[in-house]
Every structure is written in C-alpha cells, then in structure tokens.
Amino acid sequence: MNQHAFFIGCPVWACEHWRASLYTAKARRHEWLEQYSAVFPTVEVNSTFYALPSHETVQKWCDSTQPGFEFCFKFPKAMTHDLQLQNCEGHRNAFLKLLEIAAQTDRLGPAFLQLPPRFSPRSFFALEQFLSHWPNEFPVAVEVRHKDWFDEGSHEAKLNQLLEHLGMDRCLFDSRALFSRSPDDEIEKISQGRKPRSPLRTTVTSQCPMVRIVGRNTEEQVHPWWTEWADVIAIWIQQGLTPYVFTHAPDDRFAPDLGRLLWNMISERTEVEPMPKWLGLNEPAQRQQSLF
C-alpha cells in the first residue's frame, strides 16, 4: 500500500539542467535518481521501451530511491509495436522479471502499456487475450492512440469495459497545451511533429488513473490546461482514487517546473502532502544567486 494520495512525476530523471534547482549544484550523475526521489514520488521509465536494463541496474535504481517511491516502466516496443502483443512470451517474461525486482522492494508503480497508432479495435482480441493473462500483482495502465478507440461508441465502450473487468487503468494523454499555438523554439517544433493529438478523455476504469500531459517550455502557456487537470485530479483524490500524473515539456529541463505547478494547483483544491523542497534551492549559494 502506497503512502501518497497521488503520484506526480517527470518522464526522466537524468537531466543535467536540473542541477542547482531540483538537484544540488554539485550532484553527480549517479546521485540524480536519489535526489529526484526525494522530491517526486514517481517517474516514467521510458528507456524500457527501447531496451531492458540488467537486473543489477534495476536493483540499483530501487536501492537508490526513497521509501514510497515508485517506477512506472514502459512496456517494450518489441511487444507493443513490433509484435502487437502476439507471440511475445519471451519479451513478456523478461519484462516481468524486472517488474518483480521493483515489486520486491516496494518500488513498483503501474506499468505503462502504450499501443501504437495502427493498433485498432480490429485487434481487440489480441489486447483482450494479452491483458487477461497478465499477472494481477503487476498493475497496468493502457494508452490507446488509434482514432477508433475514441469513437464514443461501441469500440470505446468495449475497451473501457475490458479494463474495468480486469481492474486495469486507462492511461489518458493530453497534448492540447503543446498544440495551442505555434512553436516558440526548435524543440517545441520537433515535439509538435512527434506527439499525437489524441482526443481528451478523463475516463476512470480502476483505482489508479494515469495521466500524461504534454505542455510547453514556459509555465504561463500551460495554465488553462493545468487548471482543468488540477480540478479533475483533486476530485479523484477526494473520491479515494490514487492518480499517477506525468508532466512532459518539449524540453525536459522544464518538466519539473510543470510538475511543481500542477502539484501546487492540486494542493489549492484538496488536502495533499506538500511538495518537498527542491534540493538545489536549499543551498546557500543558490539562494544568494536568486537575489539578482
């Protein structure tokens, strides 16, 4: 049982630009995860989408984090995108072994299963078979991207009913802020070329709804959408749900700022634990610099 009313985090923890703010100024790379976990209670592990780390690496990650911290590992693309959940037992078992390491150390959050845009309701049977045989002790959140899953009709209802029946969560994706205006820099331009524009949903199918929000590289430009989500997430918390929320920025250096903004907005609407102070901002030298 986790100790948090909700979990909020970033898509990475390895970002050198977070030194002297989220991290202490002299933090070394091997210290970043420990310092990250002292502030944020969860993180997306997108690297597992491309390749699985060694068991030793996962164990080190778990040992480096604070009690109550949880990793949300992304399913390997070999399973979701290449094999589309069929005939992937070997990849499945290898992934489960990594999840088991995190589970044994109480560091496991919902695994994030992102289906490719071409995975349509025509493949519903493959999805149903895969999820039905997934071990219950390893929580899962499912993100769909094909437009027919958002038909507000039979396809979407069938998906939601499957997840409800299995006690699995739907992963909700929102990129409205990203596409709200023309890009202000090259990184935002690249992000607009890569990110999808999935229809907005606030659907809850189990106890831990997952939300992935893509913003901009400045806090001021995300306020309308962050305000909407703060309202929704506060209600979920009041209903006894445990949301998992990940704030993305086109440039990773701004992801913690967007997370802090949303955390503060949620705390204005319902009683939640305060965000821990950023370690770099507690340093005397950093406080002196902030005066200028």
C-alpha atoms as a PDB file:
ATOM      1  CA  MET A   1       0.000   0.000   0.000  1.00  0.00           C
ATOM      2  CA  ASN A   2       1.484   3.353  -1.005  1.00  0.00           C
ATOM      3  CA  GLN A   3       1.730   6.316   1.323  1.00  0.00           C
ATOM      4  CA  HIS A   4       0.721   9.005  -1.165  1.00  0.00           C
ATOM      5  CA  ALA A   5      -2.681  10.454  -2.045  1.00  0.00           C
ATOM      6  CA  PHE A   6      -1.402  10.853  -5.585  1.00  0.00           C
ATOM      7  CA  PHE A   7       1.803  10.379  -7.560  1.00  0.00           C
ATOM      8  CA  ILE A   8       3.257  13.055  -9.783  1.00  0.00           C
ATOM      9  CA  GLY A   9       6.489  12.821 -11.728  1.00  0.00           C
ATOM     10  CA  CYS A  10       8.530  13.518 -14.842  1.00  0.00           C
ATOM     11  CA  PRO A  11       9.341  11.425 -17.933  1.00  0.00           C
ATOM     12  CA  VAL A  12      13.039  11.219 -16.971  1.00  0.00           C
ATOM     13  CA  TRP A  13      15.336  11.736 -14.010  1.00  0.00           C
ATOM     14  CA  ALA A  14      18.652  12.112 -15.878  1.00  0.00           C
ATOM     15  CA  CYS A  15      18.783  15.781 -16.847  1.00  0.00           C
ATOM     16  CA  GLU A  16      21.900  17.807 -16.168  1.00  0.00           C
ATOM     17  CA  HIS A  17      19.950  21.058 -16.414  1.00  0.00           C
ATOM     18  CA  TRP A  18      18.274  20.228 -13.097  1.00  0.00           C
ATOM     19  CA  ARG A  19      21.491  20.868 -11.198  1.00  0.00           C
ATOM     20  CA  ALA A  20      21.295  23.832  -8.797  1.00  0.00           C
ATOM     21  CA  SER A  21      17.492  23.619  -8.808  1.00  0.00           C
ATOM     22  CA  LEU A  22      15.894  20.197  -8.379  1.00  0.00           C
ATOM     23  CA  TYR A  23      19.345  18.714  -7.683  1.00  0.00           C
ATOM     24  CA  THR A  24      22.211  20.162  -5.728  1.00  0.00           C
ATOM     25  CA  ALA A  25      24.709  22.110  -7.797  1.00  0.00           C
ATOM     26  CA  LYS A  26      27.456  19.519  -7.459  1.00  0.00           C
ATOM     27  CA  ALA A  27      25.269  16.416  -7.755  1.00  0.00           C
ATOM     28  CA  ARG A  28      26.930  13.701  -9.792  1.00  0.00           C
ATOM     29  CA  ARG A  29      25.025  11.658 -12.319  1.00  0.00           C
ATOM     30  CA  HIS A  30      24.843   8.591 -10.058  1.00  0.00           C
ATOM     31  CA  GLU A  31      23.220  10.780  -7.373  1.00  0.00           C
ATOM     32  CA  TRP A  32      20.462  12.198  -9.564  1.00  0.00           C
ATOM     33  CA  LEU A  33      17.927   9.418  -9.042  1.00  0.00           C
ATOM     34  CA  GLU A  34      18.301   9.517  -5.258  1.00  0.00           C
ATOM     35  CA  GLN A  35      17.821  13.292  -5.257  1.00  0.00           C
ATOM     36  CA  TYR A  36      14.930  13.064  -7.720  1.00  0.00           C
ATOM     37  CA  SER A  37      13.129  10.573  -5.454  1.00  0.00           C
ATOM     38  CA  ALA A  38      13.500  12.953  -2.508  1.00  0.00           C
ATOM     39  CA  VAL A  39      11.171  15.378  -4.319  1.00  0.00           C
ATOM     40  CA  PHE A  40       8.997  13.456  -6.793  1.00  0.00           C
ATOM     41  CA  PRO A  41       7.356  10.151  -5.763  1.00  0.00           C
ATOM     42  CA  THR A  42       7.344   8.528  -9.220  1.00  0.00           C
ATOM     43  CA  VAL A  43       8.943   8.592 -12.671  1.00  0.00           C
ATOM     44  CA  GLU A  44       8.230   7.228 -16.121  1.00  0.00           C
ATOM     45  CA  VAL A  45      10.882   4.751 -17.234  1.00  0.00           C
ATOM     46  CA  ASN A  46      10.684   5.214 -20.995  1.00  0.00           C
ATOM     47  CA  SER A  47      14.050   3.571 -21.618  1.00  0.00           C
ATOM     48  CA  THR A  48      12.485   0.113 -21.209  1.00  0.00           C
ATOM     49  CA  PHE A  49      10.521   0.824 -24.383  1.00  0.00           C
ATOM     50  CA  TYR A  50      13.775   0.525 -26.347  1.00  0.00           C
ATOM     51  CA  ALA A  51      15.807  -1.989 -24.319  1.00  0.00           C
ATOM     52  CA  LEU A  52      15.588  -3.714 -20.961  1.00  0.00           C
ATOM     53  CA  PRO A  53      18.239  -2.851 -18.379  1.00  0.00           C
ATOM     54  CA  SER A  54      20.066  -5.561 -16.479  1.00  0.00           C
ATOM     55  CA  HIS A  55      18.624  -6.943 -13.260  1.00  0.00           C
ATOM     56  CA  GLU A  56      21.551  -5.381 -11.418  1.00  0.00           C
ATOM     57  CA  THR A  57      20.719  -1.958 -12.819  1.00  0.00           C
ATOM     58  CA  VAL A  58      17.081  -2.162 -11.775  1.00  0.00           C
ATOM     59  CA  GLN A  59      18.118  -3.290  -8.299  1.00  0.00           C
ATOM     60  CA  LYS A  60      20.470  -0.292  -8.041  1.00  0.00           C
ATOM     61  CA  TRP A  61      17.679   2.014  -9.101  1.00  0.00           C
ATOM     62  CA  CYS A  62      15.387   0.622  -6.441  1.00  0.00           C
ATOM     63  CA  ASP A  63      18.074   0.797  -3.746  1.00  0.00           C
ATOM     64  CA  SER A  64      18.814   4.429  -4.665  1.00  0.00           C
ATOM     65  CA  THR A  65      15.304   5.744  -4.092  1.00  0.00           C
ATOM     66  CA  GLN A  66      13.365   6.949  -1.079  1.00  0.00           C
ATOM     67  CA  PRO A  67      10.725   4.751   0.628  1.00  0.00           C
ATOM     68  CA  GLY A  68       7.356   5.160  -1.085  1.00  0.00           C
ATOM     69  CA  PHE A  69       8.886   5.931  -4.480  1.00  0.00           C
ATOM     70  CA  GLU A  70       7.511   4.030  -7.494  1.00  0.00           C
ATOM     71  CA  PHE A  71       8.786   3.366 -11.012  1.00  0.00           C
ATOM     72  CA  CYS A  72       6.326   3.216 -13.904  1.00  0.00           C
ATOM     73  CA  PHE A  73       8.085   1.095 -16.516  1.00  0.00           C
ATOM     74  CA  LYS A  74       7.040   1.356 -20.149  1.00  0.00           C
ATOM     75  CA  PHE A  75       6.331  -1.905 -21.964  1.00  0.00           C
ATOM     76  CA  PRO A  76       8.994  -2.789 -24.558  1.00  0.00           C
ATOM     77  CA  LYS A  77       8.235  -1.782 -28.141  1.00  0.00           C
ATOM     78  CA  ALA A  78       9.106  -5.319 -29.198  1.00  0.00           C
ATOM     79  CA  MET A  79       5.854  -6.393 -27.523  1.00  0.00           C
ATOM     80  CA  THR A  80       3.565  -3.461 -28.262  1.00  0.00           C
ATOM     81  CA  HIS A  81       4.725  -2.076 -31.597  1.00  0.00           C
ATOM     82  CA  ASP A  82       6.657  -4.866 -33.315  1.00  0.00           C
ATOM     83  CA  LEU A  83       4.656  -7.946 -32.303  1.00  0.00           C
ATOM     84  CA  GLN A  84       1.476  -6.056 -31.309  1.00  0.00           C
ATOM     85  CA  LEU A  85       1.000  -8.217 -28.200  1.00  0.00           C
ATOM     86  CA  GLN A  86       1.049 -11.512 -30.117  1.00  0.00           C
ATOM     87  CA  ASN A  87       3.595 -14.332 -29.761  1.00  0.00           C
ATOM     88  CA  CYS A  88       5.675 -12.229 -27.391  1.00  0.00           C
ATOM     89  CA  GLU A  89       6.002 -14.593 -24.419  1.00  0.00           C
ATOM     90  CA  GLY A  90       9.787 -14.277 -24.241  1.00  0.00           C
ATOM     91  CA  HIS A  91       9.698 -10.493 -24.104  1.00  0.00           C
ATOM     92  CA  ARG A  92       6.816 -10.651 -21.644  1.00  0.00           C
ATOM     93  CA  ASN A  93       8.660 -12.921 -19.230  1.00  0.00           C
ATOM     94  CA  ALA A  94      11.840 -10.834 -19.387  1.00  0.00           C
ATOM     95  CA  PHE A  95       9.849  -7.681 -18.631  1.00  0.00           C
ATOM     96  CA  LEU A  96       8.027  -9.365 -15.754  1.00  0.00           C
ATOM     97  CA  LYS A  97      11.342 -10.291 -14.138  1.00  0.00           C
ATOM     98  CA  LEU A  98      12.269  -6.612 -13.995  1.00  0.00           C
ATOM     99  CA  LEU A  99       8.889  -5.670 -12.568  1.00  0.00           C
ATOM    100  CA  GLU A 100       9.299  -8.349  -9.932  1.00  0.00           C
ATOM    101  CA  ILE A 101      12.565  -6.777  -8.739  1.00  0.00           C
ATOM    102  CA  ALA A 102      10.802  -3.453  -8.238  1.00  0.00           C
ATOM    103  CA  ALA A 103       7.827  -5.146  -6.597  1.00  0.00           C
ATOM    104  CA  GLN A 104      10.042  -6.961  -4.090  1.00  0.00           C
ATOM    105  CA  THR A 105      11.487  -3.623  -2.968  1.00  0.00           C
ATOM    106  CA  ASP A 106       8.096  -1.827  -2.894  1.00  0.00           C
ATOM    107  CA  ARG A 107       9.136   0.381  -5.795  1.00  0.00           C
ATOM    108  CA  LEU A 108       6.656  -0.762  -8.434  1.00  0.00           C
ATOM    109  CA  GLY A 109       4.001   1.514  -9.888  1.00  0.00           C
ATOM    110  CA  PRO A 110       1.683   0.727 -12.806  1.00  0.00           C
ATOM    111  CA  ALA A 111       3.487  -0.457 -15.919  1.00  0.00           C
ATOM    112  CA  PHE A 112       2.642   1.730 -18.897  1.00  0.00           C
ATOM    113  CA  LEU A 113       1.366  -0.125 -21.983  1.00  0.00           C
ATOM    114  CA  GLN A 114       1.272   2.258 -24.948  1.00  0.00           C
ATOM    115  CA  LEU A 115      -0.308   0.822 -28.085  1.00  0.00           C
ATOM    116  CA  PRO A 116       0.867   2.101 -31.489  1.00  0.00           C
ATOM    117  CA  PRO A 117      -1.398   4.270 -33.678  1.00  0.00           C
ATOM    118  CA  ARG A 118      -2.019   1.348 -36.041  1.00  0.00           C
ATOM    119  CA  PHE A 119      -3.310  -0.896 -33.221  1.00  0.00           C
ATOM    120  CA  SER A 120      -7.038  -0.520 -33.878  1.00  0.00           C
ATOM    121  CA  PRO A 121     -10.175  -2.130 -32.412  1.00  0.00           C
ATOM    122  CA  ARG A 122      -9.756  -4.819 -35.079  1.00  0.00           C
ATOM    123  CA  SER A 123      -7.003  -6.133 -32.781  1.00  0.00           C
ATOM    124  CA  PHE A 124      -9.249  -6.153 -29.725  1.00  0.00           C
ATOM    125  CA  PHE A 125      -8.992  -9.929 -29.328  1.00  0.00           C
ATOM    126  CA  ALA A 126      -5.182  -9.719 -29.119  1.00  0.00           C
ATOM    127  CA  LEU A 127      -5.454  -6.992 -26.471  1.00  0.00           C
ATOM    128  CA  GLU A 128      -8.057  -8.946 -24.525  1.00  0.00           C
ATOM    129  CA  GLN A 129      -6.011 -12.126 -24.577  1.00  0.00           C
ATOM    130  CA  PHE A 130      -2.815 -10.368 -23.544  1.00  0.00           C
ATOM    131  CA  LEU A 131      -4.351  -8.422 -20.667  1.00  0.00           C
ATOM    132  CA  SER A 132      -6.444 -11.358 -19.461  1.00  0.00           C
ATOM    133  CA  HIS A 133      -3.290 -13.429 -18.990  1.00  0.00           C
ATOM    134  CA  TRP A 134      -1.300 -10.643 -17.360  1.00  0.00           C
ATOM    135  CA  PRO A 135      -0.490 -11.388 -13.666  1.00  0.00           C
ATOM    136  CA  ASN A 136      -2.780  -9.431 -11.352  1.00  0.00           C
ATOM    137  CA  GLU A 137       0.013  -8.489  -8.965  1.00  0.00           C
ATOM    138  CA  PHE A 138       1.622  -6.224 -11.568  1.00  0.00           C
ATOM    139  CA  PRO A 139      -0.624  -3.194 -12.217  1.00  0.00           C
ATOM    140  CA  VAL A 140      -1.024  -1.881 -15.767  1.00  0.00           C
ATOM    141  CA  ALA A 141      -2.264   1.326 -17.394  1.00  0.00           C
ATOM    142  CA  VAL A 142      -3.187   1.149 -21.093  1.00  0.00           C
ATOM    143  CA  GLU A 143      -2.877   4.030 -23.550  1.00  0.00           C
ATOM    144  CA  VAL A 144      -4.529   3.735 -26.965  1.00  0.00           C
ATOM    145  CA  ARG A 145      -3.875   6.009 -29.927  1.00  0.00           C
ATOM    146  CA  HIS A 146      -5.858   4.744 -32.910  1.00  0.00           C
ATOM    147  CA  LYS A 147      -8.763   7.128 -33.569  1.00  0.00           C
ATOM    148  CA  ASP A 148     -11.397   4.365 -33.475  1.00  0.00           C
ATOM    149  CA  TRP A 149     -10.769   3.778 -29.756  1.00  0.00           C
ATOM    150  CA  PHE A 150     -12.188   7.294 -29.244  1.00  0.00           C
ATOM    151  CA  ASP A 151     -15.448   6.771 -31.129  1.00  0.00           C
ATOM    152  CA  GLU A 152     -17.680   7.448 -28.078  1.00  0.00           C
ATOM    153  CA  GLY A 153     -19.460   4.301 -29.187  1.00  0.00           C
ATOM    154  CA  SER A 154     -19.046   0.551 -29.233  1.00  0.00           C
ATOM    155  CA  HIS A 155     -15.257   0.400 -29.649  1.00  0.00           C
ATOM    156  CA  GLU A 156     -14.522   2.771 -26.804  1.00  0.00           C
ATOM    157  CA  ALA A 157     -17.145   1.173 -24.576  1.00  0.00           C
ATOM    158  CA  LYS A 158     -15.677  -2.261 -25.236  1.00  0.00           C
ATOM    159  CA  LEU A 159     -12.206  -1.059 -24.274  1.00  0.00           C
ATOM    160  CA  ASN A 160     -13.403   0.581 -21.082  1.00  0.00           C
ATOM    161  CA  GLN A 161     -15.457  -2.455 -20.110  1.00  0.00           C
ATOM    162  CA  LEU A 162     -12.447  -4.733 -20.592  1.00  0.00           C
ATOM    163  CA  LEU A 163     -10.241  -2.574 -18.382  1.00  0.00           C
ATOM    164  CA  GLU A 164     -12.951  -2.263 -15.736  1.00  0.00           C
ATOM    165  CA  HIS A 165     -13.475  -6.026 -15.728  1.00  0.00           C
ATOM    166  CA  LEU A 166      -9.748  -6.670 -15.287  1.00  0.00           C
ATOM    167  CA  GLY A 167      -9.244  -3.895 -12.746  1.00  0.00           C
ATOM    168  CA  MET A 168      -6.789  -2.083 -15.012  1.00  0.00           C
ATOM    169  CA  ASP A 169      -6.444   1.628 -15.578  1.00  0.00           C
ATOM    170  CA  ARG A 170      -6.678   3.651 -18.743  1.00  0.00           C
ATOM    171  CA  CYS A 171      -3.741   5.962 -19.406  1.00  0.00           C
ATOM    172  CA  LEU A 172      -5.027   9.371 -20.511  1.00  0.00           C
ATOM    173  CA  PHE A 173      -2.961  11.556 -22.838  1.00  0.00           C
ATOM    174  CA  ASP A 174      -3.387  15.305 -23.311  1.00  0.00           C
ATOM    175  CA  SER A 175      -1.304  17.369 -25.742  1.00  0.00           C
ATOM    176  CA  ARG A 176      -3.674  20.331 -26.103  1.00  0.00           C
ATOM    177  CA  ALA A 177      -1.268  22.774 -24.477  1.00  0.00           C
ATOM    178  CA  LEU A 178       1.539  21.726 -26.814  1.00  0.00           C
ATOM    179  CA  PHE A 179      -0.570  22.420 -29.909  1.00  0.00           C
ATOM    180  CA  SER A 180      -2.294  25.531 -28.536  1.00  0.00           C
ATOM    181  CA  ARG A 181      -0.052  27.866 -30.564  1.00  0.00           C
ATOM    182  CA  SER A 182       2.845  27.864 -32.988  1.00  0.00           C
ATOM    183  CA  PRO A 183       6.157  26.656 -31.566  1.00  0.00           C
ATOM    184  CA  ASP A 184       8.313  29.223 -29.786  1.00  0.00           C
ATOM    185  CA  ASP A 185      11.555  27.340 -30.339  1.00  0.00           C
ATOM    186  CA  GLU A 186      13.033  24.459 -32.306  1.00  0.00           C
ATOM    187  CA  ILE A 187      12.437  21.921 -29.534  1.00  0.00           C
ATOM    188  CA  GLU A 188       8.725  22.747 -29.405  1.00  0.00           C
ATOM    189  CA  LYS A 189       8.597  22.457 -33.194  1.00  0.00           C
ATOM    190  CA  ILE A 190      10.136  18.982 -33.056  1.00  0.00           C
ATOM    191  CA  SER A 191       7.755  17.959 -30.259  1.00  0.00           C
ATOM    192  CA  GLN A 192       4.726  19.100 -32.267  1.00  0.00           C
ATOM    193  CA  GLY A 193       5.937  16.936 -35.126  1.00  0.00           C
ATOM    194  CA  ARG A 194       6.211  13.843 -32.937  1.00  0.00           C
ATOM    195  CA  LYS A 195       3.384  13.963 -30.412  1.00  0.00           C
ATOM    196  CA  PRO A 196      -0.140  12.800 -31.291  1.00  0.00           C
ATOM    197  CA  ARG A 197      -3.334  14.785 -30.789  1.00  0.00           C
ATOM    198  CA  SER A 198      -5.446  12.160 -29.072  1.00  0.00           C
ATOM    199  CA  PRO A 199      -8.981  13.247 -28.104  1.00  0.00           C
ATOM    200  CA  LEU A 200      -9.281  14.336 -24.486  1.00  0.00           C
ATOM    201  CA  ARG A 201     -10.641  11.783 -22.029  1.00  0.00           C
ATOM    202  CA  THR A 202     -10.961  11.736 -18.245  1.00  0.00           C
ATOM    203  CA  THR A 203     -12.180   8.137 -18.159  1.00  0.00           C
ATOM    204  CA  VAL A 204     -11.605   6.130 -14.975  1.00  0.00           C
ATOM    205  CA  THR A 205     -11.662   2.334 -15.230  1.00  0.00           C
ATOM    206  CA  SER A 206      -9.981   1.350 -11.945  1.00  0.00           C
ATOM    207  CA  GLN A 207      -8.386   2.848  -8.833  1.00  0.00           C
ATOM    208  CA  CYS A 208      -5.232   4.485 -10.232  1.00  0.00           C
ATOM    209  CA  PRO A 209      -5.970   6.580 -13.326  1.00  0.00           C
ATOM    210  CA  MET A 210      -2.803   7.595 -15.166  1.00  0.00           C
ATOM    211  CA  VAL A 211      -2.455  10.951 -16.918  1.00  0.00           C
ATOM    212  CA  ARG A 212       0.338  12.077 -19.235  1.00  0.00           C
ATOM    213  CA  ILE A 213       0.198  15.797 -20.040  1.00  0.00           C
ATOM    214  CA  VAL A 214       2.421  17.495 -22.587  1.00  0.00           C
ATOM    215  CA  GLY A 215       2.887  21.212 -22.022  1.00  0.00           C
ATOM    216  CA  ARG A 216       5.125  23.967 -23.323  1.00  0.00           C
ATOM    217  CA  ASN A 217       8.528  25.274 -22.310  1.00  0.00           C
ATOM    218  CA  THR A 218       7.040  28.070 -20.208  1.00  0.00           C
ATOM    219  CA  GLU A 219       4.658  27.707 -17.282  1.00  0.00           C
ATOM    220  CA  GLU A 220       2.489  30.646 -18.331  1.00  0.00           C
ATOM    221  CA  GLN A 221       1.385  28.878 -21.511  1.00  0.00           C
ATOM    222  CA  VAL A 222       0.018  25.771 -19.793  1.00  0.00           C
ATOM    223  CA  HIS A 223      -2.176  27.353 -17.114  1.00  0.00           C
ATOM    224  CA  PRO A 224      -5.612  26.750 -18.714  1.00  0.00           C
ATOM    225  CA  TRP A 225      -4.973  23.027 -19.208  1.00  0.00           C
ATOM    226  CA  TRP A 226      -3.161  22.536 -15.904  1.00  0.00           C
ATOM    227  CA  THR A 227      -6.114  24.217 -14.162  1.00  0.00           C
ATOM    228  CA  GLU A 228      -8.543  21.786 -15.793  1.00  0.00           C
ATOM    229  CA  TRP A 229      -6.492  18.794 -14.743  1.00  0.00           C
ATOM    230  CA  ALA A 230      -5.987  20.099 -11.205  1.00  0.00           C
ATOM    231  CA  ASP A 231      -9.791  20.221 -10.849  1.00  0.00           C
ATOM    232  CA  VAL A 232     -10.188  16.666 -12.155  1.00  0.00           C
ATOM    233  CA  ILE A 233      -7.320  15.189 -10.140  1.00  0.00           C
ATOM    234  CA  ALA A 234      -8.479  16.849  -6.918  1.00  0.00           C
ATOM    235  CA  ILE A 235     -11.911  15.256  -7.356  1.00  0.00           C
ATOM    236  CA  TRP A 236     -10.327  11.864  -8.000  1.00  0.00           C
ATOM    237  CA  ILE A 237      -8.309  12.164  -4.789  1.00  0.00           C
ATOM    238  CA  GLN A 238     -11.415  13.134  -2.842  1.00  0.00           C
ATOM    239  CA  GLN A 239     -13.143  10.049  -4.265  1.00  0.00           C
ATOM    240  CA  GLY A 240     -10.393   7.831  -2.856  1.00  0.00           C
ATOM    241  CA  LEU A 241      -8.598   7.211  -6.148  1.00  0.00           C
ATOM    242  CA  THR A 242      -4.802   7.356  -6.454  1.00  0.00           C
ATOM    243  CA  PRO A 243      -3.881   9.200  -9.662  1.00  0.00           C
ATOM    244  CA  TYR A 244      -0.488   8.911 -11.375  1.00  0.00           C
ATOM    245  CA  VAL A 245       0.353  12.070 -13.302  1.00  0.00           C
ATOM    246  CA  PHE A 246       3.367  12.795 -15.520  1.00  0.00           C
ATOM    247  CA  THR A 247       4.142  16.296 -16.742  1.00  0.00           C
ATOM    248  CA  HIS A 248       6.026  16.470 -20.041  1.00  0.00           C
ATOM    249  CA  ALA A 249       7.673  19.507 -21.599  1.00  0.00           C
ATOM    250  CA  PRO A 250       9.160  19.621 -25.104  1.00  0.00           C
ATOM    251  CA  ASP A 251      12.467  20.384 -23.382  1.00  0.00           C
ATOM    252  CA  ASP A 252      12.975  18.065 -20.400  1.00  0.00           C
ATOM    253  CA  ARG A 253      14.627  20.833 -18.425  1.00  0.00           C
ATOM    254  CA  PHE A 254      11.176  22.361 -17.821  1.00  0.00           C
ATOM    255  CA  ALA A 255       9.325  19.169 -16.817  1.00  0.00           C
ATOM    256  CA  PRO A 256       9.906  19.587 -13.041  1.00  0.00           C
ATOM    257  CA  ASP A 257       8.604  23.165 -13.183  1.00  0.00           C
ATOM    258  CA  LEU A 258       5.406  21.960 -14.836  1.00  0.00           C
ATOM    259  CA  GLY A 259       5.114  19.219 -12.221  1.00  0.00           C
ATOM    260  CA  ARG A 260       5.537  21.690  -9.376  1.00  0.00           C
ATOM    261  CA  LEU A 261       2.932  23.986 -10.911  1.00  0.00           C
ATOM    262  CA  LEU A 262       0.365  21.196 -11.150  1.00  0.00           C
ATOM    263  CA  TRP A 263       1.176  19.904  -7.645  1.00  0.00           C
ATOM    264  CA  ASN A 264       0.598  23.388  -6.202  1.00  0.00           C
ATOM    265  CA  MET A 265      -2.661  23.752  -8.106  1.00  0.00           C
ATOM    266  CA  ILE A 266      -3.912  20.419  -6.767  1.00  0.00           C
ATOM    267  CA  SER A 267      -2.931  21.374  -3.198  1.00  0.00           C
ATOM    268  CA  GLU A 268      -5.096  24.506  -3.538  1.00  0.00           C
ATOM    269  CA  ARG A 269      -8.117  22.299  -4.260  1.00  0.00           C
ATOM    270  CA  THR A 270      -7.750  19.394  -1.860  1.00  0.00           C
ATOM    271  CA  GLU A 271      -5.599  18.257   1.034  1.00  0.00           C
ATOM    272  CA  VAL A 272      -2.447  16.539  -0.206  1.00  0.00           C
ATOM    273  CA  GLU A 273       1.095  16.250   1.057  1.00  0.00           C
ATOM    274  CA  PRO A 274       3.172  19.352   0.248  1.00  0.00           C
ATOM    275  CA  MET A 275       5.835  19.077  -2.416  1.00  0.00           C
ATOM    276  CA  PRO A 276       9.258  18.618  -0.814  1.00  0.00           C
ATOM    277  CA  LYS A 277      11.697  21.473  -1.302  1.00  0.00           C
ATOM    278  CA  TRP A 278      13.988  21.240  -4.281  1.00  0.00           C
ATOM    279  CA  LEU A 279      17.438  20.301  -3.054  1.00  0.00           C
ATOM    280  CA  GLY A 280      19.407  22.808  -5.108  1.00  0.00           C
ATOM    281  CA  LEU A 281      17.215  25.677  -3.986  1.00  0.00           C
ATOM    282  CA  ASN A 282      18.115  24.958  -0.354  1.00  0.00           C
ATOM    283  CA  GLU A 283      21.799  25.600  -0.953  1.00  0.00           C
ATOM    284  CA  PRO A 284      23.094  28.916   0.448  1.00  0.00           C
ATOM    285  CA  ALA A 285      24.906  29.803  -2.772  1.00  0.00           C
ATOM    286  CA  GLN A 286      21.778  29.195  -4.835  1.00  0.00           C
ATOM    287  CA  ARG A 287      19.669  31.375  -2.530  1.00  0.00           C
ATOM    288  CA  GLN A 288      22.220  34.185  -2.876  1.00  0.00           C
ATOM    289  CA  GLN A 289      22.177  33.923  -6.664  1.00  0.00           C
ATOM    290  CA  SER A 290      18.397  34.143  -6.728  1.00  0.00           C
ATOM    291  CA  LEU A 291      18.583  37.729  -5.409  1.00  0.00           C
ATOM    292  CA  PHE A 292      19.953  39.001  -8.714  1.00  0.00           C
END
